[in-house]
Amino acid sequence: MNVGDIELDDNAQIRLAIGGRVRSRRKFLQLSQAGLAERLGVSQETVSQIEIGNRTLAADDLPKIAATLGVRVENLFGEFPSSNAMGSQVVLTDAETKMVDLFRDISEPSRLLILDMIRALHTREHGL
């Protein structure tokens, strides 16, 4: 994998992937880096370094991070669970998690507009 002109090795790719998932889940839970750091017993800088893929995590670190984020360890390597309106567990893809992150960062009127657009698309595609 290349980032700009830099070739990333497998370990760097893993660190970036895990860091991105930690960040997505932290934001989903509406935690600040400082809040997550406090729960993990580390500095905010450590959380920042994890999220940008600059910190190698020991295997022993993963269960505590996962538990703090309310997920299983394997979710740090893949998709996150969520709940649907019926309370059943569902899994969010990386793209869905990113949409949730972006959705949370926009105004309420914009959110309502997006929901109306999604409903219209759903109706058009499914004929409901």
C-alpha atoms as a PDB file:
ATOM      1  CA  MET A   1       0.000   0.000   0.000  1.00  0.00           C
ATOM      2  CA  ASN A   2       1.259   3.482  -0.841  1.00  0.00           C
ATOM      3  CA  VAL A   3       0.483   6.685   1.023  1.00  0.00           C
ATOM      4  CA  GLY A   4       1.808   9.513  -1.089  1.00  0.00           C
ATOM      5  CA  ASP A   5       5.301   8.383  -2.055  1.00  0.00           C
ATOM      6  CA  ILE A   6       5.693   6.097   0.981  1.00  0.00           C
ATOM      7  CA  GLU A   7       5.332   2.329   0.656  1.00  0.00           C
ATOM      8  CA  LEU A   8       3.660   0.903   3.776  1.00  0.00           C
ATOM      9  CA  ASP A   9       4.620  -2.524   5.046  1.00  0.00           C
ATOM     10  CA  ASP A  10       2.048  -5.000   6.363  1.00  0.00           C
ATOM     11  CA  ASN A  11       2.565  -3.904   9.976  1.00  0.00           C
ATOM     12  CA  ALA A  12       1.968  -0.253   9.099  1.00  0.00           C
ATOM     13  CA  GLN A  13      -1.196  -1.207   7.224  1.00  0.00           C
ATOM     14  CA  ILE A  14      -2.440  -3.164  10.246  1.00  0.00           C
ATOM     15  CA  ARG A  15      -1.675  -0.265  12.603  1.00  0.00           C
ATOM     16  CA  LEU A  16      -3.532   2.143  10.296  1.00  0.00           C
ATOM     17  CA  ALA A  17      -6.534  -0.178  10.023  1.00  0.00           C
ATOM     18  CA  ILE A  18      -6.798  -0.777  13.769  1.00  0.00           C
ATOM     19  CA  GLY A  19      -6.218   2.902  14.502  1.00  0.00           C
ATOM     20  CA  GLY A  20      -8.959   3.911  12.100  1.00  0.00           C
ATOM     21  CA  ARG A  21     -11.378   1.475  13.712  1.00  0.00           C
ATOM     22  CA  VAL A  22     -10.492   2.716  17.202  1.00  0.00           C
ATOM     23  CA  ARG A  23     -11.126   6.282  16.030  1.00  0.00           C
ATOM     24  CA  SER A  24     -14.429   5.385  14.332  1.00  0.00           C
ATOM     25  CA  ARG A  25     -15.712   3.513  17.366  1.00  0.00           C
ATOM     26  CA  ARG A  26     -14.555   6.270  19.753  1.00  0.00           C
ATOM     27  CA  LYS A  27     -16.425   8.859  17.699  1.00  0.00           C
ATOM     28  CA  PHE A  28     -19.464   6.572  17.424  1.00  0.00           C
ATOM     29  CA  LEU A  29     -19.498   6.445  21.241  1.00  0.00           C
ATOM     30  CA  GLN A  30     -19.066  10.242  21.310  1.00  0.00           C
ATOM     31  CA  LEU A  31     -15.866   9.980  23.329  1.00  0.00           C
ATOM     32  CA  SER A  32     -13.020  12.440  23.069  1.00  0.00           C
ATOM     33  CA  GLN A  33      -9.478  11.178  22.766  1.00  0.00           C
ATOM     34  CA  ALA A  34      -8.929  12.384  26.325  1.00  0.00           C
ATOM     35  CA  GLY A  35     -12.021  10.490  27.518  1.00  0.00           C
ATOM     36  CA  LEU A  36     -10.862   7.264  25.899  1.00  0.00           C
ATOM     37  CA  ALA A  37      -7.362   7.803  27.244  1.00  0.00           C
ATOM     38  CA  GLU A  38      -8.712   8.183  30.769  1.00  0.00           C
ATOM     39  CA  ARG A  39     -10.702   4.953  30.489  1.00  0.00           C
ATOM     40  CA  LEU A  40      -7.664   3.106  29.126  1.00  0.00           C
ATOM     41  CA  GLY A  41      -5.265   4.602  31.677  1.00  0.00           C
ATOM     42  CA  VAL A  42      -3.020   6.136  29.011  1.00  0.00           C
ATOM     43  CA  SER A  43      -2.298   9.641  27.761  1.00  0.00           C
ATOM     44  CA  GLN A  44      -4.336  11.446  25.127  1.00  0.00           C
ATOM     45  CA  GLU A  45      -1.175  11.473  23.003  1.00  0.00           C
ATOM     46  CA  THR A  46      -1.069   7.667  23.153  1.00  0.00           C
ATOM     47  CA  VAL A  47      -4.655   7.456  21.867  1.00  0.00           C
ATOM     48  CA  SER A  48      -3.777   9.915  19.108  1.00  0.00           C
ATOM     49  CA  GLN A  49      -0.753   7.826  18.104  1.00  0.00           C
ATOM     50  CA  ILE A  50      -2.878   4.639  18.063  1.00  0.00           C
ATOM     51  CA  GLU A  51      -5.528   6.286  15.885  1.00  0.00           C
ATOM     52  CA  ILE A  52      -3.061   7.532  13.274  1.00  0.00           C
ATOM     53  CA  GLY A  53      -1.224   4.207  13.184  1.00  0.00           C
ATOM     54  CA  ASN A  54       2.018   5.415  14.749  1.00  0.00           C
ATOM     55  CA  ARG A  55       1.872   3.136  17.778  1.00  0.00           C
ATOM     56  CA  THR A  56       2.347  -0.608  17.709  1.00  0.00           C
ATOM     57  CA  LEU A  57      -0.046  -2.337  20.075  1.00  0.00           C
ATOM     58  CA  ALA A  58       0.886  -5.423  22.044  1.00  0.00           C
ATOM     59  CA  ALA A  59      -1.531  -8.329  21.844  1.00  0.00           C
ATOM     60  CA  ASP A  60      -2.194  -7.764  25.567  1.00  0.00           C
ATOM     61  CA  ASP A  61      -3.472  -4.222  24.817  1.00  0.00           C
ATOM     62  CA  LEU A  62      -6.200  -5.325  22.432  1.00  0.00           C
ATOM     63  CA  PRO A  63      -8.684  -6.881  24.927  1.00  0.00           C
ATOM     64  CA  LYS A  64      -8.681  -3.758  27.110  1.00  0.00           C
ATOM     65  CA  ILE A  65      -9.137  -1.440  24.138  1.00  0.00           C
ATOM     66  CA  ALA A  66     -11.914  -3.613  22.717  1.00  0.00           C
ATOM     67  CA  ALA A  67     -13.709  -3.876  26.067  1.00  0.00           C
ATOM     68  CA  THR A  68     -13.452  -0.127  26.611  1.00  0.00           C
ATOM     69  CA  LEU A  69     -14.971   0.469  23.164  1.00  0.00           C
ATOM     70  CA  GLY A  70     -17.680  -2.146  23.781  1.00  0.00           C
ATOM     71  CA  VAL A  71     -16.606  -4.483  20.981  1.00  0.00           C
ATOM     72  CA  ARG A  72     -14.830  -7.810  20.627  1.00  0.00           C
ATOM     73  CA  VAL A  73     -11.126  -7.905  19.779  1.00  0.00           C
ATOM     74  CA  GLU A  74     -11.866  -9.206  16.286  1.00  0.00           C
ATOM     75  CA  ASN A  75     -13.939  -6.074  15.636  1.00  0.00           C
ATOM     76  CA  LEU A  76     -10.706  -4.070  15.801  1.00  0.00           C
ATOM     77  CA  PHE A  77      -9.632  -6.009  12.706  1.00  0.00           C
ATOM     78  CA  GLY A  78     -12.996  -5.963  10.913  1.00  0.00           C
ATOM     79  CA  GLU A  79     -16.529  -4.667  11.254  1.00  0.00           C
ATOM     80  CA  PHE A  80     -18.319  -3.193  14.257  1.00  0.00           C
ATOM     81  CA  PRO A  81     -21.568  -4.451  15.770  1.00  0.00           C
ATOM     82  CA  SER A  82     -24.499  -2.097  16.194  1.00  0.00           C
ATOM     83  CA  SER A  83     -28.185  -2.481  17.006  1.00  0.00           C
ATOM     84  CA  ASN A  84     -31.132  -2.022  14.692  1.00  0.00           C
ATOM     85  CA  ALA A  85     -34.526  -0.642  15.707  1.00  0.00           C
ATOM     86  CA  MET A  86     -35.579  -4.101  16.926  1.00  0.00           C
ATOM     87  CA  GLY A  87     -32.583  -4.344  19.258  1.00  0.00           C
ATOM     88  CA  SER A  88     -30.949  -7.102  17.202  1.00  0.00           C
ATOM     89  CA  GLN A  89     -27.206  -7.046  16.666  1.00  0.00           C
ATOM     90  CA  VAL A  90     -26.168  -5.933  13.192  1.00  0.00           C
ATOM     91  CA  VAL A  91     -22.704  -5.322  11.777  1.00  0.00           C
ATOM     92  CA  LEU A  92     -21.638  -1.999  10.267  1.00  0.00           C
ATOM     93  CA  THR A  93     -19.227  -2.074   7.369  1.00  0.00           C
ATOM     94  CA  ASP A  94     -16.355   0.416   7.294  1.00  0.00           C
ATOM     95  CA  ALA A  95     -18.332   2.522   4.787  1.00  0.00           C
ATOM     96  CA  GLU A  96     -21.403   2.528   7.049  1.00  0.00           C
ATOM     97  CA  THR A  97     -19.294   3.494  10.048  1.00  0.00           C
ATOM     98  CA  LYS A  98     -17.790   6.361   8.034  1.00  0.00           C
ATOM     99  CA  MET A  99     -21.282   7.517   7.035  1.00  0.00           C
ATOM    100  CA  VAL A 100     -22.320   7.552  10.688  1.00  0.00           C
ATOM    101  CA  ASP A 101     -19.208   9.578  11.584  1.00  0.00           C
ATOM    102  CA  LEU A 102     -19.943  12.119   8.858  1.00  0.00           C
ATOM    103  CA  PHE A 103     -23.649  12.198   9.696  1.00  0.00           C
ATOM    104  CA  ARG A 104     -22.882  13.066  13.323  1.00  0.00           C
ATOM    105  CA  ASP A 105     -20.766  16.047  12.219  1.00  0.00           C
ATOM    106  CA  ILE A 106     -23.523  17.863  10.288  1.00  0.00           C
ATOM    107  CA  SER A 107     -26.409  20.035  11.480  1.00  0.00           C
ATOM    108  CA  GLU A 108     -29.813  18.636  12.410  1.00  0.00           C
ATOM    109  CA  PRO A 109     -31.558  20.262   9.399  1.00  0.00           C
ATOM    110  CA  SER A 110     -28.982  18.642   7.093  1.00  0.00           C
ATOM    111  CA  ARG A 111     -29.513  15.297   8.818  1.00  0.00           C
ATOM    112  CA  LEU A 112     -33.265  15.517   8.228  1.00  0.00           C
ATOM    113  CA  LEU A 113     -32.690  16.379   4.568  1.00  0.00           C
ATOM    114  CA  ILE A 114     -30.417  13.356   4.153  1.00  0.00           C
ATOM    115  CA  LEU A 115     -32.978  11.078   5.827  1.00  0.00           C
ATOM    116  CA  ASP A 116     -35.664  12.357   3.437  1.00  0.00           C
ATOM    117  CA  MET A 117     -33.365  11.654   0.484  1.00  0.00           C
ATOM    118  CA  ILE A 118     -32.627   8.117   1.727  1.00  0.00           C
ATOM    119  CA  ARG A 119     -36.341   7.422   2.204  1.00  0.00           C
ATOM    120  CA  ALA A 120     -37.073   8.644  -1.339  1.00  0.00           C
ATOM    121  CA  LEU A 121     -34.289   6.465  -2.787  1.00  0.00           C
ATOM    122  CA  HIS A 122     -35.488   3.466  -0.799  1.00  0.00           C
ATOM    123  CA  THR A 123     -39.047   3.967  -2.020  1.00  0.00           C
ATOM    124  CA  ARG A 124     -37.853   4.319  -5.635  1.00  0.00           C
ATOM    125  CA  GLU A 125     -35.700   1.190  -5.470  1.00  0.00           C
ATOM    126  CA  HIS A 126     -38.158  -0.996  -3.591  1.00  0.00           C
ATOM    127  CA  GLY A 127     -41.424   0.375  -4.964  1.00  0.00           C
ATOM    128  CA  LEU A 128     -42.898   0.933  -1.521  1.00  0.00           C
END
